[in-house]
Amino acid sequence: MNNNRPVNLDLGKFHFPLPAITSILHRISGIIIFVGVAFMLYGLQLSLSGEAGFSRVSELLDSFLAKLIVWGILSALLYHLVAGIKHLLMDVGIGEELETGRLASKITIGVSVVLIVLAGVWVW
């Protein structure tokens, strides 16, 4: 029996193409949004509970950690939006070829970075 299967896979040696990376990041950003909704709903519920709750949420949102969490959730939302638009365009047949897929991935990353930086400026 000739067994040419690798014995120990080194995951650091795998190199994914850019379209695959953007697709994986799209899934990860969806998970971050899902988890982040719980924090945002808690803040909304607390702020609507009364004047004291609203003051507490205002104090919480002034902290560095809260701003970082909000920026992270906004970043995931913005990336997910841009990558979702790319996937919708692919569903109608735009960007399905290899070269246009790579270009669409580069555009997705570029637009997302610009939007994430702008969101960071807005949050801070």
PDB file of N, CA and C in Angstrom:
ATOM      1  N   MET A   1       0.837  -1.172   0.000  1.00  0.00           N
ATOM      2  CA  MET A   1       0.000   0.000   0.000  1.00  0.00           C
ATOM      3  C   MET A   1       0.882   1.236   0.000  1.00  0.00           C
ATOM      4  N   ASN A   2       0.724   2.070  -1.009  1.00  0.00           N
ATOM      5  CA  ASN A   2       1.502   3.300  -1.142  1.00  0.00           C
ATOM      6  C   ASN A   2       0.709   4.440  -0.507  1.00  0.00           C
ATOM      7  N   ASN A   3       1.206   4.929   0.600  1.00  0.00           N
ATOM      8  CA  ASN A   3       0.501   5.976   1.330  1.00  0.00           C
ATOM      9  C   ASN A   3       1.302   7.272   1.208  1.00  0.00           C
ATOM     10  N   ASN A   4       0.864   8.166   0.312  1.00  0.00           N
ATOM     11  CA  ASN A   4       1.554   9.439   0.093  1.00  0.00           C
ATOM     12  C   ASN A   4       0.898  10.584   0.848  1.00  0.00           C
ATOM     13  N   ARG A   5       0.025  10.266   1.745  1.00  0.00           N
ATOM     14  CA  ARG A   5      -0.648  11.315   2.509  1.00  0.00           C
ATOM     15  C   ARG A   5       0.333  11.944   3.497  1.00  0.00           C
ATOM     16  N   PRO A   6       0.206  13.253   3.705  1.00  0.00           N
ATOM     17  CA  PRO A   6       1.105  13.896   4.667  1.00  0.00           C
ATOM     18  C   PRO A   6       0.799  13.440   6.093  1.00  0.00           C
ATOM     19  N   VAL A   7       1.850  13.313   6.866  1.00  0.00           N
ATOM     20  CA  VAL A   7       1.701  12.837   8.236  1.00  0.00           C
ATOM     21  C   VAL A   7       1.365  14.002   9.168  1.00  0.00           C
ATOM     22  N   ASN A   8       2.058  15.118   9.001  1.00  0.00           N
ATOM     23  CA  ASN A   8       1.858  16.264   9.873  1.00  0.00           C
ATOM     24  C   ASN A   8       1.683  17.510   9.008  1.00  0.00           C
ATOM     25  N   LEU A   9       0.485  18.039   8.992  1.00  0.00           N
ATOM     26  CA  LEU A   9       0.222  19.228   8.188  1.00  0.00           C
ATOM     27  C   LEU A   9       0.663  20.477   8.945  1.00  0.00           C
ATOM     28  N   ASP A  10       1.468  21.288   8.299  1.00  0.00           N
ATOM     29  CA  ASP A  10       1.866  22.575   8.866  1.00  0.00           C
ATOM     30  C   ASP A  10       0.958  23.636   8.270  1.00  0.00           C
ATOM     31  N   LEU A  11      -0.010  24.093   9.066  1.00  0.00           N
ATOM     32  CA  LEU A  11      -0.996  25.040   8.557  1.00  0.00           C
ATOM     33  C   LEU A  11      -0.383  26.379   8.190  1.00  0.00           C
ATOM     34  N   GLY A  12       0.806  26.672   8.699  1.00  0.00           N
ATOM     35  CA  GLY A  12       1.493  27.917   8.351  1.00  0.00           C
ATOM     36  C   GLY A  12       1.997  27.935   6.918  1.00  0.00           C
ATOM     37  N   LYS A  13       2.073  26.768   6.288  1.00  0.00           N
ATOM     38  CA  LYS A  13       2.571  26.695   4.911  1.00  0.00           C
ATOM     39  C   LYS A  13       1.471  26.863   3.867  1.00  0.00           C
ATOM     40  N   PHE A  14       0.226  26.803   4.290  1.00  0.00           N
ATOM     41  CA  PHE A  14      -0.878  26.983   3.347  1.00  0.00           C
ATOM     42  C   PHE A  14      -1.016  28.459   3.002  1.00  0.00           C
ATOM     43  N   HIS A  15      -1.178  28.746   1.734  1.00  0.00           N
ATOM     44  CA  HIS A  15      -1.368  30.124   1.273  1.00  0.00           C
ATOM     45  C   HIS A  15      -2.662  30.179   0.477  1.00  0.00           C
ATOM     46  N   PHE A  16      -3.637  30.873   1.056  1.00  0.00           N
ATOM     47  CA  PHE A  16      -4.928  30.990   0.399  1.00  0.00           C
ATOM     48  C   PHE A  16      -4.917  32.157  -0.577  1.00  0.00           C
ATOM     49  N   PRO A  17      -5.629  32.048  -1.683  1.00  0.00           N
ATOM     50  CA  PRO A  17      -5.751  33.190  -2.599  1.00  0.00           C
ATOM     51  C   PRO A  17      -6.601  34.285  -1.950  1.00  0.00           C
ATOM     52  N   LEU A  18      -6.429  35.515  -2.433  1.00  0.00           N
ATOM     53  CA  LEU A  18      -7.122  36.663  -1.848  1.00  0.00           C
ATOM     54  C   LEU A  18      -8.646  36.505  -1.844  1.00  0.00           C
ATOM     55  N   PRO A  19      -9.278  35.991  -2.906  1.00  0.00           N
ATOM     56  CA  PRO A  19     -10.731  35.804  -2.832  1.00  0.00           C
ATOM     57  C   PRO A  19     -11.153  34.857  -1.702  1.00  0.00           C
ATOM     58  N   ALA A  20     -10.357  33.846  -1.422  1.00  0.00           N
ATOM     59  CA  ALA A  20     -10.684  32.934  -0.321  1.00  0.00           C
ATOM     60  C   ALA A  20     -10.548  33.637   1.020  1.00  0.00           C
ATOM     61  N   ILE A  21      -9.528  34.472   1.157  1.00  0.00           N
ATOM     62  CA  ILE A  21      -9.327  35.210   2.409  1.00  0.00           C
ATOM     63  C   ILE A  21     -10.482  36.170   2.649  1.00  0.00           C
ATOM     64  N   THR A  22     -10.911  36.871   1.603  1.00  0.00           N
ATOM     65  CA  THR A  22     -12.030  37.802   1.783  1.00  0.00           C
ATOM     66  C   THR A  22     -13.321  37.049   2.128  1.00  0.00           C
ATOM     67  N   SER A  23     -13.500  35.867   1.583  1.00  0.00           N
ATOM     68  CA  SER A  23     -14.679  35.072   1.899  1.00  0.00           C
ATOM     69  C   SER A  23     -14.636  34.589   3.350  1.00  0.00           C
ATOM     70  N   ILE A  24     -13.479  34.160   3.810  1.00  0.00           N
ATOM     71  CA  ILE A  24     -13.333  33.713   5.203  1.00  0.00           C
ATOM     72  C   ILE A  24     -13.553  34.887   6.154  1.00  0.00           C
ATOM     73  N   LEU A  25     -12.996  36.053   5.817  1.00  0.00           N
ATOM     74  CA  LEU A  25     -13.199  37.241   6.648  1.00  0.00           C
ATOM     75  C   LEU A  25     -14.667  37.661   6.675  1.00  0.00           C
ATOM     76  N   HIS A  26     -15.377  37.440   5.584  1.00  0.00           N
ATOM     77  CA  HIS A  26     -16.808  37.746   5.531  1.00  0.00           C
ATOM     78  C   HIS A  26     -17.563  36.893   6.552  1.00  0.00           C
ATOM     79  N   ARG A  27     -17.204  35.638   6.654  1.00  0.00           N
ATOM     80  CA  ARG A  27     -17.847  34.744   7.617  1.00  0.00           C
ATOM     81  C   ARG A  27     -17.491  35.143   9.048  1.00  0.00           C
ATOM     82  N   ILE A  28     -16.217  35.469   9.273  1.00  0.00           N
ATOM     83  CA  ILE A  28     -15.778  35.875  10.614  1.00  0.00           C
ATOM     84  C   ILE A  28     -16.460  37.170  11.030  1.00  0.00           C
ATOM     85  N   SER A  29     -16.575  38.119  10.110  1.00  0.00           N
ATOM     86  CA  SER A  29     -17.240  39.382  10.449  1.00  0.00           C
ATOM     87  C   SER A  29     -18.713  39.147  10.786  1.00  0.00           C
ATOM     88  N   GLY A  30     -19.346  38.183  10.148  1.00  0.00           N
ATOM     89  CA  GLY A  30     -20.725  37.849  10.482  1.00  0.00           C
ATOM     90  C   GLY A  30     -20.846  37.318  11.905  1.00  0.00           C
ATOM     91  N   ILE A  31     -19.889  36.518  12.332  1.00  0.00           N
ATOM     92  CA  ILE A  31     -19.883  35.997  13.701  1.00  0.00           C
ATOM     93  C   ILE A  31     -19.676  37.134  14.701  1.00  0.00           C
ATOM     94  N   ILE A  32     -18.762  38.051  14.382  1.00  0.00           N
ATOM     95  CA  ILE A  32     -18.508  39.194  15.268  1.00  0.00           C
ATOM     96  C   ILE A  32     -19.762  40.053  15.394  1.00  0.00           C
ATOM     97  N   ILE A  33     -20.458  40.278  14.298  1.00  0.00           N
ATOM     98  CA  ILE A  33     -21.696  41.056  14.335  1.00  0.00           C
ATOM     99  C   ILE A  33     -22.735  40.347  15.205  1.00  0.00           C
ATOM    100  N   PHE A  34     -22.860  39.042  15.048  1.00  0.00           N
ATOM    101  CA  PHE A  34     -23.833  38.272  15.817  1.00  0.00           C
ATOM    102  C   PHE A  34     -23.574  38.412  17.315  1.00  0.00           C
ATOM    103  N   VAL A  35     -22.315  38.293  17.722  1.00  0.00           N
ATOM    104  CA  VAL A  35     -21.964  38.426  19.134  1.00  0.00           C
ATOM    105  C   VAL A  35     -22.121  39.878  19.582  1.00  0.00           C
ATOM    106  N   GLY A  36     -21.732  40.822  18.731  1.00  0.00           N
ATOM    107  CA  GLY A  36     -21.806  42.233  19.077  1.00  0.00           C
ATOM    108  C   GLY A  36     -23.218  42.738  19.273  1.00  0.00           C
ATOM    109  N   VAL A  37     -24.173  42.113  18.608  1.00  0.00           N
ATOM    110  CA  VAL A  37     -25.567  42.519  18.763  1.00  0.00           C
ATOM    111  C   VAL A  37     -26.008  42.348  20.218  1.00  0.00           C
ATOM    112  N   ALA A  38     -25.516  41.326  20.893  1.00  0.00           N
ATOM    113  CA  ALA A  38     -25.878  41.109  22.297  1.00  0.00           C
ATOM    114  C   ALA A  38     -25.430  42.293  23.153  1.00  0.00           C
ATOM    115  N   PHE A  39     -24.207  42.780  22.937  1.00  0.00           N
ATOM    116  CA  PHE A  39     -23.709  43.934  23.695  1.00  0.00           C
ATOM    117  C   PHE A  39     -24.524  45.186  23.375  1.00  0.00           C
ATOM    118  N   MET A  40     -24.834  45.375  22.117  1.00  0.00           N
ATOM    119  CA  MET A  40     -25.583  46.561  21.723  1.00  0.00           C
ATOM    120  C   MET A  40     -27.011  46.519  22.258  1.00  0.00           C
ATOM    121  N   LEU A  41     -27.639  45.361  22.235  1.00  0.00           N
ATOM    122  CA  LEU A  41     -28.990  45.243  22.773  1.00  0.00           C
ATOM    123  C   LEU A  41     -29.002  45.470  24.280  1.00  0.00           C
ATOM    124  N   TYR A  42     -27.971  44.987  24.974  1.00  0.00           N
ATOM    125  CA  TYR A  42     -27.881  45.231  26.413  1.00  0.00           C
ATOM    126  C   TYR A  42     -27.760  46.735  26.679  1.00  0.00           C
ATOM    127  N   GLY A  43     -26.904  47.412  25.917  1.00  0.00           N
ATOM    128  CA  GLY A  43     -26.761  48.858  26.082  1.00  0.00           C
ATOM    129  C   GLY A  43     -28.045  49.602  25.774  1.00  0.00           C
ATOM    130  N   LEU A  44     -28.770  49.169  24.751  1.00  0.00           N
ATOM    131  CA  LEU A  44     -30.049  49.791  24.410  1.00  0.00           C
ATOM    132  C   LEU A  44     -31.063  49.583  25.527  1.00  0.00           C
ATOM    133  N   GLN A  45     -31.156  48.354  26.029  1.00  0.00           N
ATOM    134  CA  GLN A  45     -32.102  48.050  27.109  1.00  0.00           C
ATOM    135  C   GLN A  45     -31.777  48.866  28.352  1.00  0.00           C
ATOM    136  N   LEU A  46     -30.488  48.972  28.679  1.00  0.00           N
ATOM    137  CA  LEU A  46     -30.080  49.733  29.856  1.00  0.00           C
ATOM    138  C   LEU A  46     -30.367  51.221  29.676  1.00  0.00           C
ATOM    139  N   SER A  47     -30.118  51.738  28.488  1.00  0.00           N
ATOM    140  CA  SER A  47     -30.343  53.166  28.266  1.00  0.00           C
ATOM    141  C   SER A  47     -31.827  53.529  28.255  1.00  0.00           C
ATOM    142  N   LEU A  48     -32.680  52.584  27.892  1.00  0.00           N
ATOM    143  CA  LEU A  48     -34.122  52.845  27.864  1.00  0.00           C
ATOM    144  C   LEU A  48     -34.808  52.584  29.205  1.00  0.00           C
ATOM    145  N   SER A  49     -34.039  52.086  30.185  1.00  0.00           N
ATOM    146  CA  SER A  49     -34.649  51.763  31.478  1.00  0.00           C
ATOM    147  C   SER A  49     -34.933  52.995  32.324  1.00  0.00           C
ATOM    148  N   GLY A  50     -34.319  54.105  31.985  1.00  0.00           N
ATOM    149  CA  GLY A  50     -34.553  55.337  32.744  1.00  0.00           C
ATOM    150  C   GLY A  50     -33.355  56.258  32.642  1.00  0.00           C
ATOM    151  N   GLU A  51     -33.463  57.368  33.361  1.00  0.00           N
ATOM    152  CA  GLU A  51     -32.401  58.369  33.305  1.00  0.00           C
ATOM    153  C   GLU A  51     -31.088  57.833  33.873  1.00  0.00           C
ATOM    154  N   ALA A  52     -31.174  57.050  34.932  1.00  0.00           N
ATOM    155  CA  ALA A  52     -29.965  56.485  35.537  1.00  0.00           C
ATOM    156  C   ALA A  52     -29.289  55.491  34.582  1.00  0.00           C
ATOM    157  N   GLY A  53     -30.097  54.688  33.915  1.00  0.00           N
ATOM    158  CA  GLY A  53     -29.549  53.739  32.945  1.00  0.00           C
ATOM    159  C   GLY A  53     -28.899  54.434  31.771  1.00  0.00           C
ATOM    160  N   PHE A  54     -29.533  55.511  31.315  1.00  0.00           N
ATOM    161  CA  PHE A  54     -28.953  56.277  30.208  1.00  0.00           C
ATOM    162  C   PHE A  54     -27.619  56.897  30.619  1.00  0.00           C
ATOM    163  N   SER A  55     -27.553  57.410  31.842  1.00  0.00           N
ATOM    164  CA  SER A  55     -26.301  57.986  32.343  1.00  0.00           C
ATOM    165  C   SER A  55     -25.224  56.910  32.454  1.00  0.00           C
ATOM    166  N   ARG A  56     -25.612  55.725  32.887  1.00  0.00           N
ATOM    167  CA  ARG A  56     -24.653  54.617  33.015  1.00  0.00           C
ATOM    168  C   ARG A  56     -24.087  54.223  31.645  1.00  0.00           C
ATOM    169  N   VAL A  57     -24.948  54.144  30.647  1.00  0.00           N
ATOM    170  CA  VAL A  57     -24.487  53.800  29.293  1.00  0.00           C
ATOM    171  C   VAL A  57     -23.579  54.900  28.759  1.00  0.00           C
ATOM    172  N   SER A  58     -23.915  56.148  29.021  1.00  0.00           N
ATOM    173  CA  SER A  58     -23.064  57.263  28.578  1.00  0.00           C
ATOM    174  C   SER A  58     -21.682  57.175  29.213  1.00  0.00           C
ATOM    175  N   GLU A  59     -21.639  56.833  30.502  1.00  0.00           N
ATOM    176  CA  GLU A  59     -20.354  56.670  31.187  1.00  0.00           C
ATOM    177  C   GLU A  59     -19.568  55.497  30.607  1.00  0.00           C
ATOM    178  N   LEU A  60     -20.272  54.388  30.350  1.00  0.00           N
ATOM    179  CA  LEU A  60     -19.601  53.206  29.790  1.00  0.00           C
ATOM    180  C   LEU A  60     -19.009  53.498  28.418  1.00  0.00           C
ATOM    181  N   LEU A  61     -19.738  54.244  27.608  1.00  0.00           N
ATOM    182  CA  LEU A  61     -19.275  54.512  26.247  1.00  0.00           C
ATOM    183  C   LEU A  61     -18.120  55.503  26.196  1.00  0.00           C
ATOM    184  N   ASP A  62     -17.823  56.156  27.316  1.00  0.00           N
ATOM    185  CA  ASP A  62     -16.674  57.054  27.360  1.00  0.00           C
ATOM    186  C   ASP A  62     -15.368  56.322  27.618  1.00  0.00           C
ATOM    187  N   SER A  63     -15.434  55.054  28.017  1.00  0.00           N
ATOM    188  CA  SER A  63     -14.216  54.311  28.328  1.00  0.00           C
ATOM    189  C   SER A  63     -13.520  53.845  27.043  1.00  0.00           C
ATOM    190  N   PHE A  64     -12.222  53.617  27.148  1.00  0.00           N
ATOM    191  CA  PHE A  64     -11.420  53.169  26.008  1.00  0.00           C
ATOM    192  C   PHE A  64     -11.892  51.808  25.510  1.00  0.00           C
ATOM    193  N   LEU A  65     -12.159  50.889  26.443  1.00  0.00           N
ATOM    194  CA  LEU A  65     -12.562  49.535  26.060  1.00  0.00           C
ATOM    195  C   LEU A  65     -13.893  49.538  25.313  1.00  0.00           C
ATOM    196  N   ALA A  66     -14.840  50.349  25.775  1.00  0.00           N
ATOM    197  CA  ALA A  66     -16.140  50.411  25.106  1.00  0.00           C
ATOM    198  C   ALA A  66     -15.995  50.986  23.702  1.00  0.00           C
ATOM    199  N   LYS A  67     -15.162  52.019  23.557  1.00  0.00           N
ATOM    200  CA  LYS A  67     -14.954  52.591  22.221  1.00  0.00           C
ATOM    201  C   LYS A  67     -14.292  51.573  21.302  1.00  0.00           C
ATOM    202  N   LEU A  68     -13.380  50.789  21.851  1.00  0.00           N
ATOM    203  CA  LEU A  68     -12.717  49.747  21.058  1.00  0.00           C
ATOM    204  C   LEU A  68     -13.719  48.679  20.617  1.00  0.00           C
ATOM    205  N   ILE A  69     -14.620  48.296  21.527  1.00  0.00           N
ATOM    206  CA  ILE A  69     -15.639  47.295  21.185  1.00  0.00           C
ATOM    207  C   ILE A  69     -16.593  47.843  20.125  1.00  0.00           C
ATOM    208  N   VAL A  70     -17.034  49.067  20.293  1.00  0.00           N
ATOM    209  CA  VAL A  70     -17.940  49.677  19.314  1.00  0.00           C
ATOM    210  C   VAL A  70     -17.261  49.783  17.956  1.00  0.00           C
ATOM    211  N   TRP A  71     -15.987  50.194  17.951  1.00  0.00           N
ATOM    212  CA  TRP A  71     -15.246  50.290  16.690  1.00  0.00           C
ATOM    213  C   TRP A  71     -15.081  48.908  16.049  1.00  0.00           C
ATOM    214  N   GLY A  72     -14.847  47.894  16.870  1.00  0.00           N
ATOM    215  CA  GLY A  72     -14.721  46.535  16.344  1.00  0.00           C
ATOM    216  C   GLY A  72     -16.014  46.044  15.713  1.00  0.00           C
ATOM    217  N   ILE A  73     -17.126  46.317  16.373  1.00  0.00           N
ATOM    218  CA  ILE A  73     -18.420  45.902  15.827  1.00  0.00           C
ATOM    219  C   ILE A  73     -18.730  46.675  14.546  1.00  0.00           C
ATOM    220  N   LEU A  74     -18.458  47.980  14.558  1.00  0.00           N
ATOM    221  CA  LEU A  74     -18.666  48.784  13.342  1.00  0.00           C
ATOM    222  C   LEU A  74     -17.767  48.318  12.206  1.00  0.00           C
ATOM    223  N   SER A  75     -16.528  47.977  12.534  1.00  0.00           N
ATOM    224  CA  SER A  75     -15.593  47.491  11.514  1.00  0.00           C
ATOM    225  C   SER A  75     -16.103  46.197  10.896  1.00  0.00           C
ATOM    226  N   ALA A  76     -16.565  45.281  11.736  1.00  0.00           N
ATOM    227  CA  ALA A  76     -17.103  44.021  11.226  1.00  0.00           C
ATOM    228  C   ALA A  76     -18.335  44.275  10.363  1.00  0.00           C
ATOM    229  N   LEU A  77     -19.181  45.194  10.815  1.00  0.00           N
ATOM    230  CA  LEU A  77     -20.391  45.509  10.053  1.00  0.00           C
ATOM    231  C   LEU A  77     -20.056  46.115   8.691  1.00  0.00           C
ATOM    232  N   LEU A  78     -19.094  47.033   8.674  1.00  0.00           N
ATOM    233  CA  LEU A  78     -18.727  47.669   7.409  1.00  0.00           C
ATOM    234  C   LEU A  78     -18.075  46.678   6.454  1.00  0.00           C
ATOM    235  N   TYR A  79     -17.165  45.833   6.967  1.00  0.00           N
ATOM    236  CA  TYR A  79     -16.540  44.836   6.094  1.00  0.00           C
ATOM    237  C   TYR A  79     -17.593  43.862   5.572  1.00  0.00           C
ATOM    238  N   HIS A  80     -18.492  43.442   6.456  1.00  0.00           N
ATOM    239  CA  HIS A  80     -19.525  42.490   6.065  1.00  0.00           C
ATOM    240  C   HIS A  80     -20.426  43.092   4.990  1.00  0.00           C
ATOM    241  N   LEU A  81     -20.720  44.376   5.106  1.00  0.00           N
ATOM    242  CA  LEU A  81     -21.542  45.056   4.114  1.00  0.00           C
ATOM    243  C   LEU A  81     -20.845  45.089   2.751  1.00  0.00           C
ATOM    244  N   VAL A  82     -19.593  45.502   2.739  1.00  0.00           N
ATOM    245  CA  VAL A  82     -18.857  45.608   1.473  1.00  0.00           C
ATOM    246  C   VAL A  82     -18.667  44.225   0.844  1.00  0.00           C
ATOM    247  N   ALA A  83     -18.277  43.235   1.654  1.00  0.00           N
ATOM    248  CA  ALA A  83     -18.100  41.884   1.109  1.00  0.00           C
ATOM    249  C   ALA A  83     -19.436  41.286   0.675  1.00  0.00           C
ATOM    250  N   GLY A  84     -20.511  41.641   1.360  1.00  0.00           N
ATOM    251  CA  GLY A  84     -21.834  41.167   0.960  1.00  0.00           C
ATOM    252  C   GLY A  84     -22.245  41.723  -0.390  1.00  0.00           C
ATOM    253  N   ILE A  85     -21.925  42.986  -0.633  1.00  0.00           N
ATOM    254  CA  ILE A  85     -22.205  43.578  -1.945  1.00  0.00           C
ATOM    255  C   ILE A  85     -21.408  42.861  -3.025  1.00  0.00           C
ATOM    256  N   LYS A  86     -20.135  42.535  -2.705  1.00  0.00           N
ATOM    257  CA  LYS A  86     -19.319  41.786  -3.668  1.00  0.00           C
ATOM    258  C   LYS A  86     -19.946  40.423  -3.962  1.00  0.00           C
ATOM    259  N   HIS A  87     -20.438  39.747  -2.927  1.00  0.00           N
ATOM    260  CA  HIS A  87     -21.075  38.444  -3.137  1.00  0.00           C
ATOM    261  C   HIS A  87     -22.376  38.575  -3.935  1.00  0.00           C
ATOM    262  N   LEU A  88     -23.139  39.644  -3.697  1.00  0.00           N
ATOM    263  CA  LEU A  88     -24.355  39.856  -4.480  1.00  0.00           C
ATOM    264  C   LEU A  88     -24.031  40.089  -5.952  1.00  0.00           C
ATOM    265  N   LEU A  89     -22.966  40.841  -6.216  1.00  0.00           N
ATOM    266  CA  LEU A  89     -22.552  41.046  -7.603  1.00  0.00           C
ATOM    267  C   LEU A  89     -22.115  39.737  -8.240  1.00  0.00           C
ATOM    268  N   MET A  90     -21.444  38.894  -7.475  1.00  0.00           N
ATOM    269  CA  MET A  90     -21.043  37.593  -8.005  1.00  0.00           C
ATOM    270  C   MET A  90     -22.259  36.716  -8.287  1.00  0.00           C
ATOM    271  N   ASP A  91     -23.307  36.868  -7.481  1.00  0.00           N
ATOM    272  CA  ASP A  91     -24.531  36.082  -7.703  1.00  0.00           C
ATOM    273  C   ASP A  91     -25.193  36.411  -9.031  1.00  0.00           C
ATOM    274  N   VAL A  92     -25.005  37.645  -9.511  1.00  0.00           N
ATOM    275  CA  VAL A  92     -25.596  38.011 -10.805  1.00  0.00           C
ATOM    276  C   VAL A  92     -24.598  37.849 -11.949  1.00  0.00           C
ATOM    277  N   GLY A  93     -23.432  37.269 -11.648  1.00  0.00           N
ATOM    278  CA  GLY A  93     -22.476  36.940 -12.699  1.00  0.00           C
ATOM    279  C   GLY A  93     -21.346  37.926 -12.884  1.00  0.00           C
ATOM    280  N   ILE A  94     -21.251  38.936 -12.033  1.00  0.00           N
ATOM    281  CA  ILE A  94     -20.166  39.917 -12.153  1.00  0.00           C
ATOM    282  C   ILE A  94     -19.035  39.519 -11.211  1.00  0.00           C
ATOM    283  N   GLY A  95     -17.843  39.357 -11.752  1.00  0.00           N
ATOM    284  CA  GLY A  95     -16.683  39.043 -10.929  1.00  0.00           C
ATOM    285  C   GLY A  95     -16.500  37.571 -10.640  1.00  0.00           C
ATOM    286  N   GLU A  96     -17.024  36.719 -11.469  1.00  0.00           N
ATOM    287  CA  GLU A  96     -16.873  35.284 -11.247  1.00  0.00           C
ATOM    288  C   GLU A  96     -15.584  34.719 -11.844  1.00  0.00           C
ATOM    289  N   GLU A  97     -15.010  35.419 -12.822  1.00  0.00           N
ATOM    290  CA  GLU A  97     -13.780  34.937 -13.434  1.00  0.00           C
ATOM    291  C   GLU A  97     -12.614  35.156 -12.464  1.00  0.00           C
ATOM    292  N   LEU A  98     -11.514  34.481 -12.723  1.00  0.00           N
ATOM    293  CA  LEU A  98     -10.378  34.511 -11.806  1.00  0.00           C
ATOM    294  C   LEU A  98      -9.823  35.921 -11.625  1.00  0.00           C
ATOM    295  N   GLU A  99      -9.543  36.601 -12.706  1.00  0.00           N
ATOM    296  CA  GLU A  99      -8.945  37.937 -12.600  1.00  0.00           C
ATOM    297  C   GLU A  99      -9.915  38.962 -12.012  1.00  0.00           C
ATOM    298  N   THR A 100     -11.171  38.932 -12.442  1.00  0.00           N
ATOM    299  CA  THR A 100     -12.135  39.885 -11.892  1.00  0.00           C
ATOM    300  C   THR A 100     -12.445  39.559 -10.432  1.00  0.00           C
ATOM    301  N   GLY A 101     -12.353  38.291 -10.061  1.00  0.00           N
ATOM    302  CA  GLY A 101     -12.534  37.910  -8.664  1.00  0.00           C
ATOM    303  C   GLY A 101     -11.428  38.469  -7.790  1.00  0.00           C
ATOM    304  N   ARG A 102     -10.193  38.402  -8.296  1.00  0.00           N
ATOM    305  CA  ARG A 102      -9.065  38.990  -7.555  1.00  0.00           C
ATOM    306  C   ARG A 102      -9.210  40.501  -7.440  1.00  0.00           C
ATOM    307  N   LEU A 103      -9.610  41.139  -8.533  1.00  0.00           N
ATOM    308  CA  LEU A 103      -9.809  42.587  -8.512  1.00  0.00           C
ATOM    309  C   LEU A 103     -10.927  42.977  -7.548  1.00  0.00           C
ATOM    310  N   ALA A 104     -12.014  42.226  -7.563  1.00  0.00           N
ATOM    311  CA  ALA A 104     -13.125  42.508  -6.652  1.00  0.00           C
ATOM    312  C   ALA A 104     -12.694  42.336  -5.198  1.00  0.00           C
ATOM    313  N   SER A 105     -11.840  41.357  -4.935  1.00  0.00           N
ATOM    314  CA  SER A 105     -11.337  41.162  -3.572  1.00  0.00           C
ATOM    315  C   SER A 105     -10.450  42.318  -3.141  1.00  0.00           C
ATOM    316  N   LYS A 106      -9.608  42.793  -4.052  1.00  0.00           N
ATOM    317  CA  LYS A 106      -8.754  43.947  -3.732  1.00  0.00           C
ATOM    318  C   LYS A 106      -9.601  45.191  -3.473  1.00  0.00           C
ATOM    319  N   ILE A 107     -10.628  45.384  -4.286  1.00  0.00           N
ATOM    320  CA  ILE A 107     -11.524  46.531  -4.089  1.00  0.00           C
ATOM    321  C   ILE A 107     -12.254  46.395  -2.758  1.00  0.00           C
ATOM    322  N   THR A 108     -12.693  45.193  -2.441  1.00  0.00           N
ATOM    323  CA  THR A 108     -13.379  44.948  -1.167  1.00  0.00           C
ATOM    324  C   THR A 108     -12.491  45.311   0.007  1.00  0.00           C
ATOM    325  N   ILE A 109     -11.243  44.861  -0.023  1.00  0.00           N
ATOM    326  CA  ILE A 109     -10.308  45.166   1.058  1.00  0.00           C
ATOM    327  C   ILE A 109     -10.051  46.671   1.120  1.00  0.00           C
ATOM    328  N   GLY A 110      -9.813  47.291  -0.019  1.00  0.00           N
ATOM    329  CA  GLY A 110      -9.512  48.723  -0.051  1.00  0.00           C
ATOM    330  C   GLY A 110     -10.650  49.586   0.468  1.00  0.00           C
ATOM    331  N   VAL A 111     -11.855  49.326  -0.029  1.00  0.00           N
ATOM    332  CA  VAL A 111     -13.020  50.110   0.411  1.00  0.00           C
ATOM    333  C   VAL A 111     -13.278  49.864   1.898  1.00  0.00           C
ATOM    334  N   SER A 112     -13.122  48.624   2.337  1.00  0.00           N
ATOM    335  CA  SER A 112     -13.345  48.305   3.744  1.00  0.00           C
ATOM    336  C   SER A 112     -12.354  49.022   4.648  1.00  0.00           C
ATOM    337  N   VAL A 113     -11.097  49.046   4.256  1.00  0.00           N
ATOM    338  CA  VAL A 113     -10.084  49.725   5.071  1.00  0.00           C
ATOM    339  C   VAL A 113     -10.414  51.205   5.197  1.00  0.00           C
ATOM    340  N   VAL A 114     -10.791  51.837   4.097  1.00  0.00           N
ATOM    341  CA  VAL A 114     -11.143  53.259   4.141  1.00  0.00           C
ATOM    342  C   VAL A 114     -12.334  53.485   5.073  1.00  0.00           C
ATOM    343  N   LEU A 115     -13.372  52.669   4.934  1.00  0.00           N
ATOM    344  CA  LEU A 115     -14.556  52.822   5.779  1.00  0.00           C
ATOM    345  C   LEU A 115     -14.258  52.539   7.246  1.00  0.00           C
ATOM    346  N   ILE A 116     -13.404  51.550   7.520  1.00  0.00           N
ATOM    347  CA  ILE A 116     -13.056  51.216   8.899  1.00  0.00           C
ATOM    348  C   ILE A 116     -12.251  52.337   9.540  1.00  0.00           C
ATOM    349  N   VAL A 117     -11.336  52.938   8.780  1.00  0.00           N
ATOM    350  CA  VAL A 117     -10.573  54.075   9.309  1.00  0.00           C
ATOM    351  C   VAL A 117     -11.511  55.249   9.585  1.00  0.00           C
ATOM    352  N   LEU A 118     -12.422  55.529   8.675  1.00  0.00           N
ATOM    353  CA  LEU A 118     -13.394  56.603   8.899  1.00  0.00           C
ATOM    354  C   LEU A 118     -14.273  56.322  10.116  1.00  0.00           C
ATOM    355  N   ALA A 119     -14.664  55.064  10.300  1.00  0.00           N
ATOM    356  CA  ALA A 119     -15.453  54.708  11.499  1.00  0.00           C
ATOM    357  C   ALA A 119     -14.627  54.904  12.761  1.00  0.00           C
ATOM    358  N   GLY A 120     -13.333  54.592  12.688  1.00  0.00           N
ATOM    359  CA  GLY A 120     -12.463  54.815  13.842  1.00  0.00           C
ATOM    360  C   GLY A 120     -12.344  56.275  14.200  1.00  0.00           C
ATOM    361  N   VAL A 121     -12.249  57.122  13.191  1.00  0.00           N
ATOM    362  CA  VAL A 121     -12.204  58.569  13.430  1.00  0.00           C
ATOM    363  C   VAL A 121     -13.519  59.036  14.044  1.00  0.00           C
ATOM    364  N   TRP A 122     -14.628  58.501  13.568  1.00  0.00           N
ATOM    365  CA  TRP A 122     -15.928  58.894  14.087  1.00  0.00           C
ATOM    366  C   TRP A 122     -16.115  58.440  15.542  1.00  0.00           C
ATOM    367  N   VAL A 123     -15.668  57.213  15.868  1.00  0.00           N
ATOM    368  CA  VAL A 123     -15.844  56.684  17.226  1.00  0.00           C
ATOM    369  C   VAL A 123     -14.949  57.420  18.214  1.00  0.00           C
ATOM    370  N   TRP A 124     -13.731  57.703  17.841  1.00  0.00           N
ATOM    371  CA  TRP A 124     -12.796  58.326  18.781  1.00  0.00           C
ATOM    372  C   TRP A 124     -13.005  59.810  18.786  1.00  0.00           C
TER     373      TRP A 124
END
